[in-house]
Amino acid sequence: MVPIAEHGAFGRGPLHFADMLAMAQTAEATGCDAIWLADHFLFRPPVAPEGEEYGLWEAWTAAAALAQGTRTIQIGLLVTCLGWRNPGIVARMAETIDEISGGRFILGVGAGWHEPEYIAYGMPFDHRASRFDDAITIISGLLRDGRVTHEGQFFSAQDAISQPRGPRAGQGGPPILVGTGGERMLRLTARYADAWNTVWHSDPEATKAPIADLRAACKEVGRDPGTIVMTAGGNIELTGYTGSRGNTIKGGPAAIAERLGQFRALGFHHYVAGIDPCTPAAIEEFAATIALLDQTADQA
């Protein structure tokens, strides 16, 4: 997770784009598979720590800029809320960033949850799953087929097209990841997603129930659960821990790698690490954990 908020685990002063770029480039150089950006506008209590509200840089524009400043690492949103952007525009933005990045963009989507930002920016908070249903139907049609018609309750499209196409048009466009745990949302995940994410977990045992729920949703819609890439995420405590991220995995590289290996043993292919602190130096420290994970993967 690349810090994008003015209050977070960056660990020093204001957060500027130059800092985000330095962290992304360090992550790329040290063997991380992907960088992820949170898509929010603000956090207010009780979610915001210490009772202070704080804001965030805008994720989509930051992702596009980071795509130009990196060469090989994947770039994803964890996750963008489909309730507050027109789905046709989301599909076009996703296709465009995939083109800018040369096929490295991951479209992470969800239904949203932090009501204060909806209120602050005048966006509807009701019927979030239904809004997501309409939106993902349109987005999937545009990315998979390049054209869609859908008459929805909240979002509609009439013979909308997605042109020009990015580098992965033949594979259905950039992959769609859904971050969710709700029953209805899991059914939509099983129907439309390439990948699924569950967060924030430091204990792999806590993911067993969500995995079972995903498998049940796949069975209900007739999808082989093995065709969905399972991803998890959690917080990791490193030298200089700021306390901004709670419920952390602690210890040296070997202990952290062992814990992350337990997630892999459950079938997770990707772990989104919210490291604290998150600075270029901390990312370089975390590289030792990545190296150990790579070693055990080679031995498996």
Protein backbone atom coordinates (compact mmCIF):
# COMPACT_ATOMS: atom_id res chain seq x y z
CA MET A 1 0.00 0.00 0.00
CA VAL A 2 1.55 3.26 -1.12
CA PRO A 3 0.60 6.03 1.35
CA ILE A 4 -1.80 8.49 -0.19
CA ALA A 5 -3.27 10.15 2.93
CA GLU A 6 -1.90 13.18 4.73
CA HIS A 7 -2.22 11.25 7.99
CA GLY A 8 -0.73 7.79 7.79
CA ALA A 9 2.31 5.56 8.10
CA PHE A 10 4.60 7.71 5.98
CA GLY A 11 6.30 8.78 9.17
CA ARG A 12 7.49 12.30 8.46
CA GLY A 13 5.97 15.62 7.42
CA PRO A 14 3.50 16.23 4.59
CA LEU A 15 3.14 13.54 1.94
CA HIS A 16 3.92 14.74 -1.59
CA PHE A 17 3.76 12.96 -4.93
CA ALA A 18 7.56 12.86 -5.08
CA ASP A 19 7.44 10.74 -1.92
CA MET A 20 4.84 8.41 -3.43
CA LEU A 21 6.93 8.02 -6.56
CA ALA A 22 10.07 7.26 -4.55
CA MET A 23 8.21 4.55 -2.62
CA ALA A 24 6.74 3.06 -5.80
CA GLN A 25 10.13 2.95 -7.49
CA THR A 26 11.72 1.41 -4.39
CA ALA A 27 8.97 -1.22 -4.25
CA GLU A 28 9.62 -2.03 -7.89
CA ALA A 29 13.38 -2.31 -7.32
CA THR A 30 13.05 -4.53 -4.24
CA GLY A 31 10.82 -7.21 -5.73
CA CYS A 32 7.25 -6.22 -4.86
CA ASP A 33 4.71 -7.47 -7.40
CA ALA A 34 2.29 -4.55 -7.14
CA ILE A 35 1.61 -1.19 -5.55
CA TRP A 36 -1.87 -0.31 -4.32
CA LEU A 37 -3.62 3.00 -3.71
CA ALA A 38 -6.63 3.58 -1.45
CA ASP A 39 -9.45 5.50 -3.13
CA HIS A 40 -10.98 7.85 -0.56
CA PHE A 41 -11.51 11.58 -0.21
CA LEU A 42 -11.45 12.02 3.56
CA PHE A 43 -11.63 10.17 6.86
CA ARG A 44 -13.52 11.49 9.85
CA PRO A 45 -14.00 10.12 13.37
CA PRO A 46 -14.56 7.52 14.63
CA VAL A 47 -12.52 5.98 11.80
CA ALA A 48 -9.86 8.69 11.81
CA PRO A 49 -7.34 8.12 14.59
CA GLU A 50 -7.06 10.52 17.50
CA GLY A 51 -10.33 12.20 16.54
CA GLU A 52 -8.76 14.16 13.69
CA GLU A 53 -10.17 14.32 10.19
CA TYR A 54 -7.74 14.09 7.31
CA GLY A 55 -7.75 13.97 3.53
CA LEU A 56 -6.13 11.99 0.76
CA TRP A 57 -4.69 12.62 -2.68
CA GLU A 58 -6.95 11.43 -5.51
CA ALA A 59 -6.12 7.82 -6.36
CA TRP A 60 -6.88 7.60 -10.08
CA THR A 61 -4.74 10.55 -11.12
CA ALA A 62 -1.96 9.37 -8.81
CA ALA A 63 -2.13 5.88 -10.34
CA ALA A 64 -1.80 7.31 -13.85
CA ALA A 65 1.24 9.33 -12.82
CA LEU A 66 2.86 6.37 -11.05
CA ALA A 67 2.31 4.30 -14.19
CA GLN A 68 4.61 6.74 -16.01
CA GLY A 69 7.19 6.71 -13.23
CA THR A 70 7.56 2.90 -13.09
CA ARG A 71 8.26 0.21 -15.65
CA THR A 72 7.40 -3.29 -14.43
CA ILE A 73 5.39 -3.22 -11.20
CA GLN A 74 1.62 -3.66 -11.32
CA ILE A 75 -0.57 -0.76 -10.14
CA GLY A 76 -3.94 -1.30 -8.51
CA LEU A 77 -6.68 0.49 -6.60
CA LEU A 78 -7.72 -1.05 -3.30
CA VAL A 79 -10.46 -0.26 -3.97
CA THR A 80 -12.33 2.35 -5.96
CA CYS A 81 -15.95 2.91 -4.95
CA LEU A 82 -18.32 2.33 -7.87
CA GLY A 83 -21.12 4.27 -6.22
CA TRP A 84 -19.62 7.68 -6.78
CA ARG A 85 -18.31 7.47 -10.35
CA ASN A 86 -20.19 6.74 -13.55
CA PRO A 87 -19.24 3.15 -14.52
CA GLY A 88 -18.72 3.97 -18.19
CA ILE A 89 -16.17 6.58 -17.20
CA VAL A 90 -14.53 4.13 -14.78
CA ALA A 91 -14.11 1.63 -17.62
CA ARG A 92 -12.53 4.27 -19.85
CA MET A 93 -10.19 5.43 -17.08
CA ALA A 94 -9.16 1.83 -16.42
CA GLU A 95 -8.49 1.17 -20.10
CA THR A 96 -6.49 4.40 -20.36
CA ILE A 97 -4.27 3.70 -17.34
CA ASP A 98 -3.73 0.17 -18.63
CA GLU A 99 -2.52 1.72 -21.89
CA ILE A 100 -0.29 4.23 -20.07
CA SER A 101 1.23 1.45 -17.94
CA GLY A 102 1.68 -1.04 -20.77
CA GLY A 103 -0.77 -3.55 -19.30
CA ARG A 104 0.02 -3.24 -15.57
CA PHE A 105 -3.23 -1.83 -14.16
CA ILE A 106 -5.55 -3.75 -11.82
CA LEU A 107 -9.07 -2.39 -11.41
CA GLY A 108 -9.91 -2.94 -7.75
CA VAL A 109 -13.55 -2.08 -7.03
CA GLY A 110 -15.98 -2.10 -4.12
CA ALA A 111 -19.25 -0.65 -2.89
CA GLY A 112 -17.79 1.86 -0.42
CA TRP A 113 -18.36 2.12 3.32
CA HIS A 114 -17.22 5.40 4.95
CA GLU A 115 -20.44 7.42 5.12
CA PRO A 116 -18.90 10.80 6.15
CA GLU A 117 -17.21 11.23 2.77
CA TYR A 118 -20.48 10.55 0.97
CA ILE A 119 -22.17 13.22 3.05
CA ALA A 120 -19.31 15.69 2.59
CA TYR A 121 -19.28 15.41 -1.20
CA GLY A 122 -23.03 15.06 -1.75
CA MET A 123 -23.02 11.43 -2.92
CA PRO A 124 -25.81 8.92 -2.16
CA PHE A 125 -24.99 6.32 0.48
CA ASP A 126 -28.11 4.19 0.03
CA HIS A 127 -28.48 1.00 -2.06
CA ARG A 128 -24.72 0.57 -2.31
CA ALA A 129 -24.87 -3.09 -3.38
CA SER A 130 -27.52 -2.32 -6.00
CA ARG A 131 -25.49 0.58 -7.36
CA PHE A 132 -22.48 -1.72 -7.49
CA ASP A 133 -24.53 -4.36 -9.34
CA ASP A 134 -25.45 -1.91 -12.10
CA ALA A 135 -21.93 -0.50 -12.27
CA ILE A 136 -20.04 -3.79 -12.44
CA THR A 137 -22.40 -5.07 -15.14
CA ILE A 138 -21.59 -2.05 -17.32
CA ILE A 139 -17.87 -2.07 -16.56
CA SER A 140 -17.55 -5.78 -17.25
CA GLY A 141 -19.34 -5.43 -20.59
CA LEU A 142 -17.11 -2.57 -21.69
CA LEU A 143 -13.84 -4.17 -20.61
CA ARG A 144 -14.65 -7.73 -21.72
CA ASP A 145 -16.48 -7.00 -24.96
CA GLY A 146 -15.85 -3.34 -25.75
CA ARG A 147 -19.58 -2.57 -25.93
CA VAL A 148 -22.55 -2.77 -23.56
CA THR A 149 -26.23 -1.98 -23.18
CA HIS A 150 -27.72 -2.12 -19.70
CA GLU A 151 -30.90 -0.56 -18.33
CA GLY A 152 -30.31 -0.34 -14.60
CA GLN A 153 -32.03 1.23 -11.64
CA PHE A 154 -29.07 3.48 -10.84
CA PHE A 155 -26.73 3.30 -13.85
CA SER A 156 -27.56 2.65 -17.50
CA ALA A 157 -25.73 2.41 -20.80
CA GLN A 158 -27.14 2.44 -24.33
CA ASP A 159 -24.83 0.82 -26.87
CA ALA A 160 -21.84 2.34 -25.06
CA ILE A 161 -18.42 1.55 -26.51
CA SER A 162 -14.93 1.30 -25.08
CA GLN A 163 -12.58 2.49 -27.79
CA PRO A 164 -9.67 2.65 -28.31
CA ARG A 165 -8.70 -0.48 -26.40
CA GLY A 166 -5.63 -0.95 -24.23
CA PRO A 167 -2.93 -3.63 -24.53
CA ARG A 168 -5.04 -6.37 -22.92
CA ALA A 169 -8.19 -6.01 -24.99
CA GLY A 170 -7.86 -9.60 -26.15
CA GLN A 171 -7.84 -10.80 -22.54
CA GLY A 172 -10.89 -8.78 -21.52
CA GLY A 173 -9.07 -5.63 -20.51
CA PRO A 174 -7.38 -4.99 -17.16
CA PRO A 175 -8.30 -7.56 -14.50
CA ILE A 176 -11.15 -6.75 -12.12
CA LEU A 177 -10.58 -7.32 -8.41
CA VAL A 178 -13.47 -6.99 -5.95
CA GLY A 179 -12.82 -6.27 -2.29
CA THR A 180 -15.81 -7.45 -0.28
CA GLY A 181 -17.27 -9.85 2.25
CA GLY A 182 -21.04 -9.44 1.94
CA GLU A 183 -23.21 -12.27 0.65
CA ARG A 184 -24.69 -10.37 -2.30
CA MET A 185 -21.38 -8.74 -3.15
CA LEU A 186 -19.65 -12.13 -3.13
CA ARG A 187 -22.17 -13.42 -5.66
CA LEU A 188 -21.31 -10.47 -7.89
CA THR A 189 -17.63 -11.22 -7.32
CA ALA A 190 -18.19 -14.81 -8.40
CA ARG A 191 -20.03 -13.61 -11.50
CA TYR A 192 -17.71 -10.84 -12.69
CA ALA A 193 -14.32 -10.74 -10.95
CA ASP A 194 -10.89 -12.04 -11.88
CA ALA A 195 -9.69 -11.64 -8.29
CA TRP A 196 -11.04 -11.19 -4.77
CA ASN A 197 -9.56 -9.39 -1.79
CA THR A 198 -10.16 -9.69 1.93
CA VAL A 199 -8.56 -7.28 4.44
CA TRP A 200 -7.18 -6.50 7.02
CA HIS A 201 -5.82 -9.72 8.48
CA SER A 202 -2.78 -10.53 10.56
CA ASP A 203 -4.04 -14.03 11.42
CA PRO A 204 -4.57 -16.39 8.47
CA GLU A 205 -7.16 -18.32 10.49
CA ALA A 206 -9.45 -15.30 10.24
CA THR A 207 -9.65 -15.73 6.47
CA LYS A 208 -11.06 -19.26 6.51
CA ALA A 209 -14.68 -18.13 6.95
CA PRO A 210 -14.47 -15.53 4.12
CA ILE A 211 -12.90 -18.16 1.86
CA ALA A 212 -15.79 -20.51 2.60
CA ASP A 213 -18.25 -17.71 1.83
CA LEU A 214 -16.56 -17.04 -1.51
CA ARG A 215 -16.66 -20.72 -2.43
CA ALA A 216 -20.35 -20.88 -1.55
CA ALA A 217 -21.02 -17.87 -3.79
CA CYS A 218 -19.12 -19.51 -6.64
CA LYS A 219 -21.14 -22.69 -6.24
CA GLU A 220 -24.35 -20.67 -6.33
CA VAL A 221 -23.49 -19.01 -9.66
CA GLY A 222 -21.76 -22.03 -11.19
CA ARG A 223 -18.19 -20.68 -11.08
CA ASP A 224 -15.09 -22.72 -10.36
CA PRO A 225 -13.55 -20.93 -7.32
CA GLY A 226 -10.13 -21.91 -8.59
CA THR A 227 -10.56 -19.42 -11.44
CA ILE A 228 -10.63 -16.48 -9.00
CA VAL A 229 -7.29 -15.20 -7.75
CA MET A 230 -7.56 -14.90 -3.96
CA THR A 231 -5.73 -11.97 -2.35
CA ALA A 232 -5.51 -10.86 1.27
CA GLY A 233 -3.97 -7.92 3.03
CA GLY A 234 -2.80 -6.81 6.44
CA ASN A 235 -0.48 -4.53 8.35
CA ILE A 236 3.18 -5.20 9.06
CA GLU A 237 5.23 -3.57 11.80
CA LEU A 238 8.78 -2.56 10.87
CA THR A 239 11.59 -0.55 12.44
CA GLY A 240 10.32 2.90 13.48
CA TYR A 241 6.68 1.78 13.80
CA THR A 242 4.44 4.87 13.95
CA GLY A 243 1.29 3.20 15.26
CA SER A 244 -0.79 4.42 12.31
CA ARG A 245 -1.57 0.84 11.28
CA GLY A 246 -2.94 -1.53 13.92
CA ASN A 247 -3.33 -5.28 14.23
CA THR A 248 0.15 -5.81 12.82
CA ILE A 249 2.31 -8.78 12.02
CA LYS A 250 5.51 -8.34 14.02
CA GLY A 251 8.99 -9.81 14.17
CA GLY A 252 12.03 -10.03 11.95
CA PRO A 253 11.99 -11.02 8.27
CA ALA A 254 11.88 -14.76 9.03
CA ALA A 255 8.90 -14.46 11.39
CA ILE A 256 6.97 -12.20 9.02
CA ALA A 257 7.75 -14.44 6.04
CA GLU A 258 6.55 -17.49 7.98
CA ARG A 259 3.24 -15.79 8.77
CA LEU A 260 2.73 -14.65 5.18
CA GLY A 261 3.56 -18.16 4.04
CA GLN A 262 0.59 -19.38 6.08
CA PHE A 263 -1.68 -17.18 3.97
CA ARG A 264 -0.13 -18.66 0.84
CA ALA A 265 -0.81 -22.17 2.16
CA LEU A 266 -4.52 -21.30 2.32
CA GLY A 267 -4.56 -20.49 -1.38
CA PHE A 268 -3.82 -16.76 -1.40
CA HIS A 269 -1.72 -15.66 -4.37
CA HIS A 270 -1.07 -12.08 -3.29
CA TYR A 271 -0.76 -10.32 0.07
CA VAL A 272 -1.22 -6.54 0.17
CA ALA A 273 1.23 -5.30 2.79
CA GLY A 274 0.40 -2.16 4.71
CA ILE A 275 3.85 -1.59 6.16
CA ASP A 276 4.38 0.85 9.04
CA PRO A 277 6.35 2.99 8.62
CA CYS A 278 6.07 3.22 4.85
CA THR A 279 9.16 4.97 3.54
CA PRO A 280 11.75 3.98 0.94
CA ALA A 281 14.00 2.79 3.78
CA ALA A 282 11.22 0.67 5.30
CA ILE A 283 10.41 -0.83 1.91
CA GLU A 284 14.08 -1.79 1.54
CA GLU A 285 13.89 -3.42 4.99
CA PHE A 286 10.80 -5.36 3.90
CA ALA A 287 12.71 -6.68 0.88
CA ALA A 288 14.37 -9.26 3.15
CA THR A 289 10.93 -10.73 3.88
CA ILE A 290 10.12 -10.83 0.15
CA ALA A 291 13.38 -12.66 -0.54
CA LEU A 292 12.55 -15.30 2.06
CA LEU A 293 9.06 -15.76 0.61
CA ASP A 294 10.56 -16.17 -2.85
CA GLN A 295 12.94 -18.82 -1.53
CA THR A 296 10.18 -20.88 0.05
CA ALA A 297 8.10 -20.57 -3.12
CA ASP A 298 11.00 -21.94 -5.16
CA GLN A 299 11.40 -24.84 -2.73
CA ALA A 300 7.69 -25.74 -2.77
